[in-house]
PDB file of N, CA and C in Angstrom:
ATOM      1  N   MET A   1      17.410  12.429  12.080  1.00  0.00           N
ATOM      2  CA  MET A   1      18.130  13.518  11.583  1.00  0.00           C
ATOM      3  C   MET A   1      19.464  12.967  11.081  1.00  0.00           C
ATOM      4  N   LEU A   2      19.976  13.369   9.886  1.00  0.00           N
ATOM      5  CA  LEU A   2      21.348  12.826   9.386  1.00  0.00           C
ATOM      6  C   LEU A   2      22.257  13.883   9.695  1.00  0.00           C
ATOM      7  N   PRO A   3      23.407  13.404  10.106  1.00  0.00           N
ATOM      8  CA  PRO A   3      24.488  14.544  10.420  1.00  0.00           C
ATOM      9  C   PRO A   3      25.159  14.895   9.218  1.00  0.00           C
ATOM     10  N   LEU A   4      25.491  16.137   9.088  1.00  0.00           N
ATOM     11  CA  LEU A   4      26.336  16.802   8.058  1.00  0.00           C
ATOM     12  C   LEU A   4      27.436  17.347   8.847  1.00  0.00           C
ATOM     13  N   ALA A   5      28.368  18.108   8.207  1.00  0.00           N
ATOM     14  CA  ALA A   5      29.427  18.740   8.904  1.00  0.00           C
ATOM     15  C   ALA A   5      28.900  19.738   9.908  1.00  0.00           C
ATOM     16  N   PRO A   6      29.184  19.616  11.031  1.00  0.00           N
ATOM     17  CA  PRO A   6      28.558  20.488  12.155  1.00  0.00           C
ATOM     18  C   PRO A   6      28.733  22.049  11.717  1.00  0.00           C
ATOM     19  N   PRO A   7      27.845  22.804  11.952  1.00  0.00           N
ATOM     20  CA  PRO A   7      26.709  22.753  12.628  1.00  0.00           C
ATOM     21  C   PRO A   7      25.448  22.342  11.765  1.00  0.00           C
ATOM     22  N   PHE A   8      25.601  21.807  10.661  1.00  0.00           N
ATOM     23  CA  PHE A   8      24.543  21.484   9.590  1.00  0.00           C
ATOM     24  C   PHE A   8      24.009  20.042   9.942  1.00  0.00           C
ATOM     25  N   ALA A   9      22.660  19.816   9.668  1.00  0.00           N
ATOM     26  CA  ALA A   9      22.058  18.556   9.807  1.00  0.00           C
ATOM     27  C   ALA A   9      20.916  18.543   8.630  1.00  0.00           C
ATOM     28  N   LEU A  10      20.435  17.329   8.292  1.00  0.00           N
ATOM     29  CA  LEU A  10      19.455  17.009   7.355  1.00  0.00           C
ATOM     30  C   LEU A  10      18.382  16.211   8.057  1.00  0.00           C
ATOM     31  N   ARG A  11      17.027  16.723   7.890  1.00  0.00           N
ATOM     32  CA  ARG A  11      16.048  15.985   8.414  1.00  0.00           C
ATOM     33  C   ARG A  11      14.830  16.089   7.545  1.00  0.00           C
ATOM     34  N   ARG A  12      13.869  15.139   7.696  1.00  0.00           N
ATOM     35  CA  ARG A  12      12.649  15.137   6.859  1.00  0.00           C
ATOM     36  C   ARG A  12      11.764  16.238   7.385  1.00  0.00           C
ATOM     37  N   ALA A  13      11.049  17.092   6.423  1.00  0.00           N
ATOM     38  CA  ALA A  13      10.266  18.072   6.739  1.00  0.00           C
ATOM     39  C   ALA A  13       9.021  17.587   7.481  1.00  0.00           C
ATOM     40  N   THR A  14       8.525  18.422   8.496  1.00  0.00           N
ATOM     41  CA  THR A  14       7.355  18.119   9.218  1.00  0.00           C
ATOM     42  C   THR A  14       6.302  19.087   8.727  1.00  0.00           C
ATOM     43  N   PRO A  15       5.060  18.904   9.291  1.00  0.00           N
ATOM     44  CA  PRO A  15       4.054  19.997   8.950  1.00  0.00           C
ATOM     45  C   PRO A  15       4.459  21.357   9.412  1.00  0.00           C
ATOM     46  N   GLU A  16       5.135  21.305  10.581  1.00  0.00           N
ATOM     47  CA  GLU A  16       5.612  22.588  11.142  1.00  0.00           C
ATOM     48  C   GLU A  16       6.611  23.378  10.282  1.00  0.00           C
ATOM     49  N   ASP A  17       7.145  22.704   9.264  1.00  0.00           N
ATOM     50  CA  ASP A  17       8.118  23.329   8.355  1.00  0.00           C
ATOM     51  C   ASP A  17       7.412  23.905   7.117  1.00  0.00           C
ATOM     52  N   ARG A  18       6.150  23.716   6.949  1.00  0.00           N
ATOM     53  CA  ARG A  18       5.463  24.197   5.763  1.00  0.00           C
ATOM     54  C   ARG A  18       5.570  25.708   5.602  1.00  0.00           C
ATOM     55  N   ALA A  19       5.494  26.511   6.689  1.00  0.00           N
ATOM     56  CA  ALA A  19       5.488  28.022   6.428  1.00  0.00           C
ATOM     57  C   ALA A  19       6.992  28.424   6.050  1.00  0.00           C
ATOM     58  N   PHE A  20       8.012  27.827   6.610  1.00  0.00           N
ATOM     59  CA  PHE A  20       9.288  28.038   6.199  1.00  0.00           C
ATOM     60  C   PHE A  20       9.545  27.801   4.752  1.00  0.00           C
ATOM     61  N   VAL A  21       9.128  26.568   4.399  1.00  0.00           N
ATOM     62  CA  VAL A  21       9.311  26.150   2.940  1.00  0.00           C
ATOM     63  C   VAL A  21       8.508  27.081   1.989  1.00  0.00           C
ATOM     64  N   GLU A  22       7.200  27.402   2.298  1.00  0.00           N
ATOM     65  CA  GLU A  22       6.531  28.279   1.450  1.00  0.00           C
ATOM     66  C   GLU A  22       7.041  29.621   1.377  1.00  0.00           C
ATOM     67  N   THR A  23       7.466  30.118   2.390  1.00  0.00           N
ATOM     68  CA  THR A  23       8.178  31.421   2.411  1.00  0.00           C
ATOM     69  C   THR A  23       9.418  31.370   1.580  1.00  0.00           C
ATOM     70  N   LEU A  24      10.233  30.463   1.825  1.00  0.00           N
ATOM     71  CA  LEU A  24      11.445  30.271   1.014  1.00  0.00           C
ATOM     72  C   LEU A  24      11.144  30.169  -0.413  1.00  0.00           C
ATOM     73  N   THR A  25      10.214  29.331  -0.871  1.00  0.00           N
ATOM     74  CA  THR A  25       9.777  29.123  -2.244  1.00  0.00           C
ATOM     75  C   THR A  25       9.322  30.483  -2.858  1.00  0.00           C
ATOM     76  N   THR A  26       8.534  31.257  -2.132  1.00  0.00           N
ATOM     77  CA  THR A  26       8.254  32.637  -2.587  1.00  0.00           C
ATOM     78  C   THR A  26       9.479  33.477  -2.902  1.00  0.00           C
ATOM     79  N   ARG A  27      10.388  33.605  -1.892  1.00  0.00           N
ATOM     80  CA  ARG A  27      11.447  34.364  -1.959  1.00  0.00           C
ATOM     81  C   ARG A  27      12.430  33.867  -3.083  1.00  0.00           C
ATOM     82  N   SER A  28      12.460  32.451  -3.261  1.00  0.00           N
ATOM     83  CA  SER A  28      13.315  31.982  -4.328  1.00  0.00           C
ATOM     84  C   SER A  28      12.770  32.150  -5.750  1.00  0.00           C
ATOM     85  N   TYR A  29      11.560  32.130  -5.913  1.00  0.00           N
ATOM     86  CA  TYR A  29      10.887  32.051  -7.217  1.00  0.00           C
ATOM     87  C   TYR A  29      10.200  33.316  -7.662  1.00  0.00           C
ATOM     88  N   ARG A  30       9.907  34.230  -6.891  1.00  0.00           N
ATOM     89  CA  ARG A  30       9.012  35.439  -7.183  1.00  0.00           C
ATOM     90  C   ARG A  30       9.592  36.144  -8.357  1.00  0.00           C
ATOM     91  N   ASP A  31      10.926  36.619  -8.127  1.00  0.00           N
ATOM     92  CA  ASP A  31      11.505  37.394  -9.199  1.00  0.00           C
ATOM     93  C   ASP A  31      11.619  36.628 -10.643  1.00  0.00           C
ATOM     94  N   LEU A  32      11.934  35.348 -10.536  1.00  0.00           N
ATOM     95  CA  LEU A  32      12.070  34.557 -11.660  1.00  0.00           C
ATOM     96  C   LEU A  32      10.680  34.382 -12.428  1.00  0.00           C
ATOM     97  N   VAL A  33       9.640  34.145 -11.693  1.00  0.00           N
ATOM     98  CA  VAL A  33       8.380  34.042 -12.302  1.00  0.00           C
ATOM     99  C   VAL A  33       7.915  35.390 -12.808  1.00  0.00           C
ATOM    100  N   ILE A  34       8.164  36.524 -12.291  1.00  0.00           N
ATOM    101  CA  ILE A  34       7.849  37.791 -12.833  1.00  0.00           C
ATOM    102  C   ILE A  34       8.503  38.024 -14.015  1.00  0.00           C
ATOM    103  N   ARG A  35       9.836  37.776 -14.047  1.00  0.00           N
ATOM    104  CA  ARG A  35      10.721  37.935 -15.287  1.00  0.00           C
ATOM    105  C   ARG A  35      10.093  37.029 -16.455  1.00  0.00           C
ATOM    106  N   GLN A  36       9.727  35.854 -16.068  1.00  0.00           N
ATOM    107  CA  GLN A  36       9.457  34.863 -17.180  1.00  0.00           C
ATOM    108  C   GLN A  36       8.012  35.026 -17.587  1.00  0.00           C
ATOM    109  N   PHE A  37       7.081  35.358 -16.772  1.00  0.00           N
ATOM    110  CA  PHE A  37       5.606  35.358 -16.944  1.00  0.00           C
ATOM    111  C   PHE A  37       5.025  36.746 -16.946  1.00  0.00           C
ATOM    112  N   GLY A  38       5.723  37.714 -16.342  1.00  0.00           N
ATOM    113  CA  GLY A  38       5.161  39.149 -16.392  1.00  0.00           C
ATOM    114  C   GLY A  38       4.539  39.524 -14.959  1.00  0.00           C
ATOM    115  N   SER A  39       4.157  38.562 -14.089  1.00  0.00           N
ATOM    116  CA  SER A  39       3.512  38.796 -12.957  1.00  0.00           C
ATOM    117  C   SER A  39       3.495  37.701 -11.845  1.00  0.00           C
ATOM    118  N   TRP A  40       3.228  37.894 -10.788  1.00  0.00           N
ATOM    119  CA  TRP A  40       3.158  36.971  -9.602  1.00  0.00           C
ATOM    120  C   TRP A  40       1.611  36.986  -9.164  1.00  0.00           C
ATOM    121  N   ASN A  41       1.070  35.833  -9.346  1.00  0.00           N
ATOM    122  CA  ASN A  41      -0.406  35.594  -8.899  1.00  0.00           C
ATOM    123  C   ASN A  41      -0.279  34.868  -7.489  1.00  0.00           C
ATOM    124  N   THR A  42      -0.336  35.611  -6.410  1.00  0.00           N
ATOM    125  CA  THR A  42      -0.276  34.975  -5.080  1.00  0.00           C
ATOM    126  C   THR A  42      -1.089  33.798  -4.930  1.00  0.00           C
ATOM    127  N   ALA A  43      -2.303  33.890  -5.318  1.00  0.00           N
ATOM    128  CA  ALA A  43      -3.368  32.760  -5.156  1.00  0.00           C
ATOM    129  C   ALA A  43      -2.776  31.611  -5.965  1.00  0.00           C
ATOM    130  N   GLN A  44      -2.495  31.824  -7.118  1.00  0.00           N
ATOM    131  CA  GLN A  44      -1.995  30.730  -7.976  1.00  0.00           C
ATOM    132  C   GLN A  44      -0.859  30.039  -7.574  1.00  0.00           C
ATOM    133  N   GLN A  45       0.187  30.893  -7.146  1.00  0.00           N
ATOM    134  CA  GLN A  45       1.394  30.341  -6.470  1.00  0.00           C
ATOM    135  C   GLN A  45       1.084  29.616  -5.264  1.00  0.00           C
ATOM    136  N   ALA A  46       0.217  30.097  -4.402  1.00  0.00           N
ATOM    137  CA  ALA A  46      -0.130  29.406  -3.209  1.00  0.00           C
ATOM    138  C   ALA A  46      -0.711  27.905  -3.487  1.00  0.00           C
ATOM    139  N   ALA A  47      -1.619  27.882  -4.571  1.00  0.00           N
ATOM    140  CA  ALA A  47      -2.098  26.683  -4.947  1.00  0.00           C
ATOM    141  C   ALA A  47      -1.039  25.679  -5.468  1.00  0.00           C
ATOM    142  N   ASN A  48      -0.150  26.314  -6.349  1.00  0.00           N
ATOM    143  CA  ASN A  48       0.901  25.387  -6.920  1.00  0.00           C
ATOM    144  C   ASN A  48       1.742  24.856  -5.646  1.00  0.00           C
ATOM    145  N   PHE A  49       2.027  25.767  -4.761  1.00  0.00           N
ATOM    146  CA  PHE A  49       2.836  25.132  -3.531  1.00  0.00           C
ATOM    147  C   PHE A  49       2.145  24.205  -2.850  1.00  0.00           C
ATOM    148  N   ALA A  50       0.768  24.416  -2.543  1.00  0.00           N
ATOM    149  CA  ALA A  50      -0.010  23.398  -1.789  1.00  0.00           C
ATOM    150  C   ALA A  50      -0.015  21.996  -2.460  1.00  0.00           C
ATOM    151  N   GLU A  51      -0.102  22.056  -3.904  1.00  0.00           N
ATOM    152  CA  GLU A  51      -0.057  20.859  -4.643  1.00  0.00           C
ATOM    153  C   GLU A  51       1.299  20.144  -4.456  1.00  0.00           C
ATOM    154  N   LYS A  52       2.313  20.908  -4.556  1.00  0.00           N
ATOM    155  CA  LYS A  52       3.646  20.354  -4.481  1.00  0.00           C
ATOM    156  C   LYS A  52       3.848  19.753  -2.987  1.00  0.00           C
ATOM    157  N   TRP A  53       3.504  20.586  -2.012  1.00  0.00           N
ATOM    158  CA  TRP A  53       3.617  20.062  -0.569  1.00  0.00           C
ATOM    159  C   TRP A  53       3.011  18.674  -0.448  1.00  0.00           C
ATOM    160  N   GLN A  54       1.746  18.587  -1.104  1.00  0.00           N
ATOM    161  CA  GLN A  54       0.981  17.278  -0.812  1.00  0.00           C
ATOM    162  C   GLN A  54       1.387  16.329  -1.798  1.00  0.00           C
ATOM    163  N   SER A  55       2.370  16.545  -2.768  1.00  0.00           N
ATOM    164  CA  SER A  55       2.763  15.404  -3.760  1.00  0.00           C
ATOM    165  C   SER A  55       3.364  14.196  -3.131  1.00  0.00           C
ATOM    166  N   ASN A  56       3.764  13.332  -3.980  1.00  0.00           N
ATOM    167  CA  ASN A  56       4.390  12.179  -3.617  1.00  0.00           C
ATOM    168  C   ASN A  56       5.912  12.422  -3.177  1.00  0.00           C
ATOM    169  N   GLY A  57       6.352  13.654  -3.429  1.00  0.00           N
ATOM    170  CA  GLY A  57       7.714  14.006  -3.042  1.00  0.00           C
ATOM    171  C   GLY A  57       7.950  14.212  -1.613  1.00  0.00           C
ATOM    172  N   ILE A  58       9.166  14.071  -1.250  1.00  0.00           N
ATOM    173  CA  ILE A  58       9.372  14.253   0.256  1.00  0.00           C
ATOM    174  C   ILE A  58      10.370  15.472   0.359  1.00  0.00           C
ATOM    175  N   TYR A  59       9.912  16.523   1.155  1.00  0.00           N
ATOM    176  CA  TYR A  59      10.785  17.655   1.456  1.00  0.00           C
ATOM    177  C   TYR A  59      11.693  17.272   2.637  1.00  0.00           C
ATOM    178  N   TRP A  60      12.913  17.744   2.449  1.00  0.00           N
ATOM    179  CA  TRP A  60      13.914  17.574   3.577  1.00  0.00           C
ATOM    180  C   TRP A  60      14.418  19.015   3.930  1.00  0.00           C
ATOM    181  N   ILE A  61      14.743  19.232   5.244  1.00  0.00           N
ATOM    182  CA  ILE A  61      15.223  20.447   5.598  1.00  0.00           C
ATOM    183  C   ILE A  61      16.667  20.411   6.005  1.00  0.00           C
ATOM    184  N   VAL A  62      17.376  21.352   5.648  1.00  0.00           N
ATOM    185  CA  VAL A  62      18.774  21.410   6.050  1.00  0.00           C
ATOM    186  C   VAL A  62      18.734  22.548   7.154  1.00  0.00           C
ATOM    187  N   THR A  63      19.365  22.116   8.412  1.00  0.00           N
ATOM    188  CA  THR A  63      19.451  23.009   9.476  1.00  0.00           C
ATOM    189  C   THR A  63      20.821  23.440   9.710  1.00  0.00           C
ATOM    190  N   ARG A  64      20.926  24.493  10.317  1.00  0.00           N
ATOM    191  CA  ARG A  64      22.316  25.115  10.730  1.00  0.00           C
ATOM    192  C   ARG A  64      22.112  25.617  12.315  1.00  0.00           C
ATOM    193  N   ALA A  65      22.690  24.826  13.073  1.00  0.00           N
ATOM    194  CA  ALA A  65      22.524  25.067  14.639  1.00  0.00           C
ATOM    195  C   ALA A  65      20.998  25.019  14.928  1.00  0.00           C
ATOM    196  N   GLU A  66      20.346  24.020  14.298  1.00  0.00           N
ATOM    197  CA  GLU A  66      18.957  23.579  14.546  1.00  0.00           C
ATOM    198  C   GLU A  66      17.952  24.524  13.886  1.00  0.00           C
ATOM    199  N   GLU A  67      18.387  25.592  13.146  1.00  0.00           N
ATOM    200  CA  GLU A  67      17.523  26.551  12.541  1.00  0.00           C
ATOM    201  C   GLU A  67      17.473  26.099  10.951  1.00  0.00           C
ATOM    202  N   PRO A  68      16.292  26.073  10.317  1.00  0.00           N
ATOM    203  CA  PRO A  68      16.203  25.773   8.971  1.00  0.00           C
ATOM    204  C   PRO A  68      16.890  26.821   8.080  1.00  0.00           C
ATOM    205  N   VAL A  69      17.662  26.351   7.068  1.00  0.00           N
ATOM    206  CA  VAL A  69      18.334  27.211   6.168  1.00  0.00           C
ATOM    207  C   VAL A  69      18.244  26.890   4.774  1.00  0.00           C
ATOM    208  N   ALA A  70      17.686  25.776   4.408  1.00  0.00           N
ATOM    209  CA  ALA A  70      17.540  25.169   3.022  1.00  0.00           C
ATOM    210  C   ALA A  70      16.567  24.159   3.033  1.00  0.00           C
ATOM    211  N   CYS A  71      15.965  23.812   1.825  1.00  0.00           N
ATOM    212  CA  CYS A  71      15.092  22.716   1.722  1.00  0.00           C
ATOM    213  C   CYS A  71      15.329  21.974   0.394  1.00  0.00           C
ATOM    214  N   LEU A  72      15.067  20.801   0.258  1.00  0.00           N
ATOM    215  CA  LEU A  72      15.165  20.110  -1.043  1.00  0.00           C
ATOM    216  C   LEU A  72      13.887  19.263  -1.108  1.00  0.00           C
ATOM    217  N   LEU A  73      13.550  18.989  -2.359  1.00  0.00           N
ATOM    218  CA  LEU A  73      12.407  18.108  -2.600  1.00  0.00           C
ATOM    219  C   LEU A  73      12.854  16.940  -3.413  1.00  0.00           C
ATOM    220  N   LEU A  74      12.635  15.683  -2.910  1.00  0.00           N
ATOM    221  CA  LEU A  74      13.056  14.545  -3.528  1.00  0.00           C
ATOM    222  C   LEU A  74      11.808  13.779  -3.985  1.00  0.00           C
ATOM    223  N   GLU A  75      11.834  13.245  -5.193  1.00  0.00           N
ATOM    224  CA  GLU A  75      10.670  12.446  -5.722  1.00  0.00           C
ATOM    225  C   GLU A  75      11.271  11.055  -6.028  1.00  0.00           C
ATOM    226  N   ALA A  76      10.598   9.935  -5.462  1.00  0.00           N
ATOM    227  CA  ALA A  76      11.032   8.641  -5.738  1.00  0.00           C
ATOM    228  C   ALA A  76      10.369   8.091  -7.122  1.00  0.00           C
ATOM    229  N   LEU A  77      11.136   7.930  -8.021  1.00  0.00           N
ATOM    230  CA  LEU A  77      10.541   7.553  -9.282  1.00  0.00           C
ATOM    231  C   LEU A  77      10.819   6.063  -9.609  1.00  0.00           C
ATOM    232  N   ALA A  78      10.566   5.483 -10.559  1.00  0.00           N
ATOM    233  CA  ALA A  78      10.669   4.059 -10.803  1.00  0.00           C
ATOM    234  C   ALA A  78      11.890   3.394 -10.359  1.00  0.00           C
ATOM    235  N   ASN A  79      13.042   3.799 -10.677  1.00  0.00           N
ATOM    236  CA  ASN A  79      14.322   3.267 -10.402  1.00  0.00           C
ATOM    237  C   ASN A  79      15.407   4.222  -9.747  1.00  0.00           C
ATOM    238  N   TYR A  80      14.901   5.412  -9.361  1.00  0.00           N
ATOM    239  CA  TYR A  80      15.885   6.374  -8.890  1.00  0.00           C
ATOM    240  C   TYR A  80      15.187   7.468  -8.166  1.00  0.00           C
ATOM    241  N   LEU A  81      15.931   8.300  -7.457  1.00  0.00           N
ATOM    242  CA  LEU A  81      15.425   9.472  -6.728  1.00  0.00           C
ATOM    243  C   LEU A  81      15.725  10.650  -7.650  1.00  0.00           C
ATOM    244  N   PHE A  82      14.710  11.615  -7.768  1.00  0.00           N
ATOM    245  CA  PHE A  82      14.833  12.833  -8.546  1.00  0.00           C
ATOM    246  C   PHE A  82      14.772  13.969  -7.686  1.00  0.00           C
ATOM    247  N   ILE A  83      15.854  14.900  -7.734  1.00  0.00           N
ATOM    248  CA  ILE A  83      15.931  16.056  -6.949  1.00  0.00           C
ATOM    249  C   ILE A  83      15.046  17.039  -7.641  1.00  0.00           C
ATOM    250  N   ALA A  84      13.856  17.327  -7.188  1.00  0.00           N
ATOM    251  CA  ALA A  84      12.864  18.214  -7.931  1.00  0.00           C
ATOM    252  C   ALA A  84      13.140  19.708  -7.573  1.00  0.00           C
ATOM    253  N   ASP A  85      13.694  19.920  -6.574  1.00  0.00           N
ATOM    254  CA  ASP A  85      13.991  21.324  -6.050  1.00  0.00           C
ATOM    255  C   ASP A  85      15.034  21.474  -4.900  1.00  0.00           C
ATOM    256  N   ILE A  86      15.762  22.506  -5.109  1.00  0.00           N
ATOM    257  CA  ILE A  86      16.754  22.804  -4.071  1.00  0.00           C
ATOM    258  C   ILE A  86      16.553  24.310  -3.844  1.00  0.00           C
ATOM    259  N   GLN A  87      16.327  24.860  -2.537  1.00  0.00           N
ATOM    260  CA  GLN A  87      16.360  26.081  -2.235  1.00  0.00           C
ATOM    261  C   GLN A  87      17.186  26.477  -0.974  1.00  0.00           C
ATOM    262  N   ILE A  88      17.953  27.485  -1.112  1.00  0.00           N
ATOM    263  CA  ILE A  88      18.791  27.913   0.066  1.00  0.00           C
ATOM    264  C   ILE A  88      18.486  29.314   0.459  1.00  0.00           C
ATOM    265  N   ASP A  89      18.184  29.461   1.831  1.00  0.00           N
ATOM    266  CA  ASP A  89      17.918  30.801   2.293  1.00  0.00           C
ATOM    267  C   ASP A  89      19.276  31.539   2.409  1.00  0.00           C
ATOM    268  N   GLY A  90      19.226  32.731   1.523  1.00  0.00           N
ATOM    269  CA  GLY A  90      20.340  33.563   1.417  1.00  0.00           C
ATOM    270  C   GLY A  90      20.399  34.640   2.535  1.00  0.00           C
ATOM    271  N   SER A  91      19.418  34.753   3.326  1.00  0.00           N
ATOM    272  CA  SER A  91      19.444  35.789   4.444  1.00  0.00           C
ATOM    273  C   SER A  91      20.257  35.590   5.460  1.00  0.00           C
TER     274      SER A  91
END
């Protein structure tokens, strides 16, 4: 776990974080997808998330007082890291 300004910390996501990240992804993107494409297909979005979760990218979890509050997805490309996604729980 990497220390940030207390009470925040950063750690690599574990399989136990999948439900948090998937729920946050839905909350973060549902309205945008509906506005852009007209509807939200739950099965398709679940498949998209599963593919992203199993990709070569690495999810990181930001915690506040040990509770997850945000995630980011980093992808290691040829000569650099790419921040593929950042999501912050606004609740």
